[in-house]
Amino acid sequence: MRRQGAGPQRRRRPRLHGRRTCRPEYWLAEADGPGRDERTRNALAEAVAVVAYGRSTEGRRALARATAGEPGLSQPWLRTLVTRLANA
């Protein structure tokens, strides 16, 4: 129960089991960037097309229907994503 007159409640951040997922040595790591080969260009073009398709309501629902039969739906995060797409 909140005390009357108390300031806003702060949300606790989840603990990451004492490990940092993004350690400082990675902050300024050199990155080569995406590959320049044909496979990478095709993958990026496909990603752009999926994003454009998902901007419409019908596109999001179609993506949810297509994903519904995937074995990865045993993962809670994917079930949540598909549900949100279908209801968007």
C-alpha atoms as a PDB file:
ATOM      1  CA  MET A   1       0.000   0.000   0.000  1.00  0.00           C
ATOM      2  CA  ARG A   2       1.334   3.432  -0.879  1.00  0.00           C
ATOM      3  CA  ARG A   3       1.724   6.060   1.773  1.00  0.00           C
ATOM      4  CA  GLN A   4      -0.176   9.231   1.182  1.00  0.00           C
ATOM      5  CA  GLY A   5       2.101  12.056   0.130  1.00  0.00           C
ATOM      6  CA  ALA A   6       4.912   9.737  -0.902  1.00  0.00           C
ATOM      7  CA  GLY A   7       6.689  10.470  -4.159  1.00  0.00           C
ATOM      8  CA  PRO A   8       6.236   8.371  -7.276  1.00  0.00           C
ATOM      9  CA  GLN A   9       7.114   4.728  -6.868  1.00  0.00           C
ATOM     10  CA  ARG A  10      10.235   3.631  -8.626  1.00  0.00           C
ATOM     11  CA  ARG A  11      10.113   0.418 -10.584  1.00  0.00           C
ATOM     12  CA  ARG A  12      12.783  -2.072  -9.762  1.00  0.00           C
ATOM     13  CA  ARG A  13      15.005  -3.126 -12.595  1.00  0.00           C
ATOM     14  CA  PRO A  14      15.344  -6.878 -13.048  1.00  0.00           C
ATOM     15  CA  ARG A  15      18.573  -8.363 -11.769  1.00  0.00           C
ATOM     16  CA  LEU A  16      20.725 -10.065 -14.344  1.00  0.00           C
ATOM     17  CA  HIS A  17      22.195 -12.671 -11.984  1.00  0.00           C
ATOM     18  CA  GLY A  18      25.160 -10.442 -11.198  1.00  0.00           C
ATOM     19  CA  ARG A  19      26.375 -10.391 -14.810  1.00  0.00           C
ATOM     20  CA  ARG A  20      26.461  -7.445 -17.146  1.00  0.00           C
ATOM     21  CA  THR A  21      25.111  -8.333 -20.547  1.00  0.00           C
ATOM     22  CA  CYS A  22      26.835  -5.448 -22.295  1.00  0.00           C
ATOM     23  CA  ARG A  23      30.242  -5.078 -20.716  1.00  0.00           C
ATOM     24  CA  PRO A  24      32.288  -1.875 -21.235  1.00  0.00           C
ATOM     25  CA  GLU A  25      34.802  -3.572 -23.508  1.00  0.00           C
ATOM     26  CA  TYR A  26      32.020  -3.973 -26.071  1.00  0.00           C
ATOM     27  CA  TRP A  27      30.868  -0.348 -25.951  1.00  0.00           C
ATOM     28  CA  LEU A  28      33.507   0.883 -28.353  1.00  0.00           C
ATOM     29  CA  ALA A  29      34.218  -2.388 -30.153  1.00  0.00           C
ATOM     30  CA  GLU A  30      35.143  -2.093 -33.795  1.00  0.00           C
ATOM     31  CA  ALA A  31      32.345  -3.252 -36.045  1.00  0.00           C
ATOM     32  CA  ASP A  32      32.708  -4.129 -39.684  1.00  0.00           C
ATOM     33  CA  GLY A  33      29.070  -3.387 -40.410  1.00  0.00           C
ATOM     34  CA  PRO A  34      26.800  -5.594 -42.493  1.00  0.00           C
ATOM     35  CA  GLY A  35      28.263  -7.804 -45.168  1.00  0.00           C
ATOM     36  CA  ARG A  36      28.273  -6.607 -48.748  1.00  0.00           C
ATOM     37  CA  ASP A  37      27.609  -9.944 -50.366  1.00  0.00           C
ATOM     38  CA  GLU A  38      24.499 -10.922 -52.321  1.00  0.00           C
ATOM     39  CA  ARG A  39      23.057 -13.011 -49.484  1.00  0.00           C
ATOM     40  CA  THR A  40      23.222 -10.095 -47.033  1.00  0.00           C
ATOM     41  CA  ARG A  41      21.713  -7.651 -49.523  1.00  0.00           C
ATOM     42  CA  ASN A  42      18.828 -10.061 -50.161  1.00  0.00           C
ATOM     43  CA  ALA A  43      18.259 -10.536 -46.430  1.00  0.00           C
ATOM     44  CA  LEU A  44      18.197  -6.768 -45.833  1.00  0.00           C
ATOM     45  CA  ALA A  45      15.796  -6.255 -48.750  1.00  0.00           C
ATOM     46  CA  GLU A  46      13.521  -8.966 -47.344  1.00  0.00           C
ATOM     47  CA  ALA A  47      13.596  -7.352 -43.893  1.00  0.00           C
ATOM     48  CA  VAL A  48      12.648  -3.977 -45.404  1.00  0.00           C
ATOM     49  CA  ALA A  49       9.760  -5.610 -47.275  1.00  0.00           C
ATOM     50  CA  VAL A  50       8.471  -7.379 -44.134  1.00  0.00           C
ATOM     51  CA  VAL A  51       8.577  -4.125 -42.153  1.00  0.00           C
ATOM     52  CA  ALA A  52       6.681  -2.301 -44.916  1.00  0.00           C
ATOM     53  CA  TYR A  53       4.104  -5.111 -45.097  1.00  0.00           C
ATOM     54  CA  GLY A  54       3.703  -5.129 -41.305  1.00  0.00           C
ATOM     55  CA  ARG A  55       2.784  -1.452 -41.231  1.00  0.00           C
ATOM     56  CA  SER A  56      -0.745  -2.270 -42.366  1.00  0.00           C
ATOM     57  CA  THR A  57      -3.320  -3.999 -40.183  1.00  0.00           C
ATOM     58  CA  GLU A  58      -3.895  -6.718 -42.750  1.00  0.00           C
ATOM     59  CA  GLY A  59      -0.145  -7.234 -43.120  1.00  0.00           C
ATOM     60  CA  ARG A  60       0.302  -7.703 -39.363  1.00  0.00           C
ATOM     61  CA  ARG A  61      -2.569 -10.181 -39.224  1.00  0.00           C
ATOM     62  CA  ALA A  62      -1.187 -12.112 -42.192  1.00  0.00           C
ATOM     63  CA  LEU A  63       2.239 -12.294 -40.524  1.00  0.00           C
ATOM     64  CA  ALA A  64       0.578 -13.577 -37.338  1.00  0.00           C
ATOM     65  CA  ARG A  65      -1.310 -16.251 -39.305  1.00  0.00           C
ATOM     66  CA  ALA A  66       1.856 -17.331 -41.100  1.00  0.00           C
ATOM     67  CA  THR A  67       3.769 -17.585 -37.816  1.00  0.00           C
ATOM     68  CA  ALA A  68       0.996 -19.457 -36.002  1.00  0.00           C
ATOM     69  CA  GLY A  69       2.149 -22.856 -37.264  1.00  0.00           C
ATOM     70  CA  GLU A  70       5.820 -22.435 -36.364  1.00  0.00           C
ATOM     71  CA  PRO A  71       7.406 -24.796 -33.828  1.00  0.00           C
ATOM     72  CA  GLY A  72       9.019 -21.794 -32.143  1.00  0.00           C
ATOM     73  CA  LEU A  73       5.630 -20.894 -30.651  1.00  0.00           C
ATOM     74  CA  SER A  74       6.651 -22.934 -27.633  1.00  0.00           C
ATOM     75  CA  GLN A  75       8.619 -19.822 -26.652  1.00  0.00           C
ATOM     76  CA  PRO A  76       6.528 -17.362 -24.581  1.00  0.00           C
ATOM     77  CA  TRP A  77       8.020 -14.249 -26.233  1.00  0.00           C
ATOM     78  CA  LEU A  78       6.990 -15.478 -29.689  1.00  0.00           C
ATOM     79  CA  ARG A  79       3.456 -16.328 -28.543  1.00  0.00           C
ATOM     80  CA  THR A  80       3.172 -12.808 -27.127  1.00  0.00           C
ATOM     81  CA  LEU A  81       4.431 -11.295 -30.377  1.00  0.00           C
ATOM     82  CA  VAL A  82       2.004 -13.308 -32.519  1.00  0.00           C
ATOM     83  CA  THR A  83      -0.913 -12.425 -30.231  1.00  0.00           C
ATOM     84  CA  ARG A  84      -0.081  -8.729 -30.399  1.00  0.00           C
ATOM     85  CA  LEU A  85       0.297  -8.849 -34.171  1.00  0.00           C
ATOM     86  CA  ALA A  86      -3.049 -10.606 -34.568  1.00  0.00           C
ATOM     87  CA  ASN A  87      -4.804  -8.083 -32.325  1.00  0.00           C
ATOM     88  CA  ALA A  88      -3.126  -4.974 -33.729  1.00  0.00           C
END
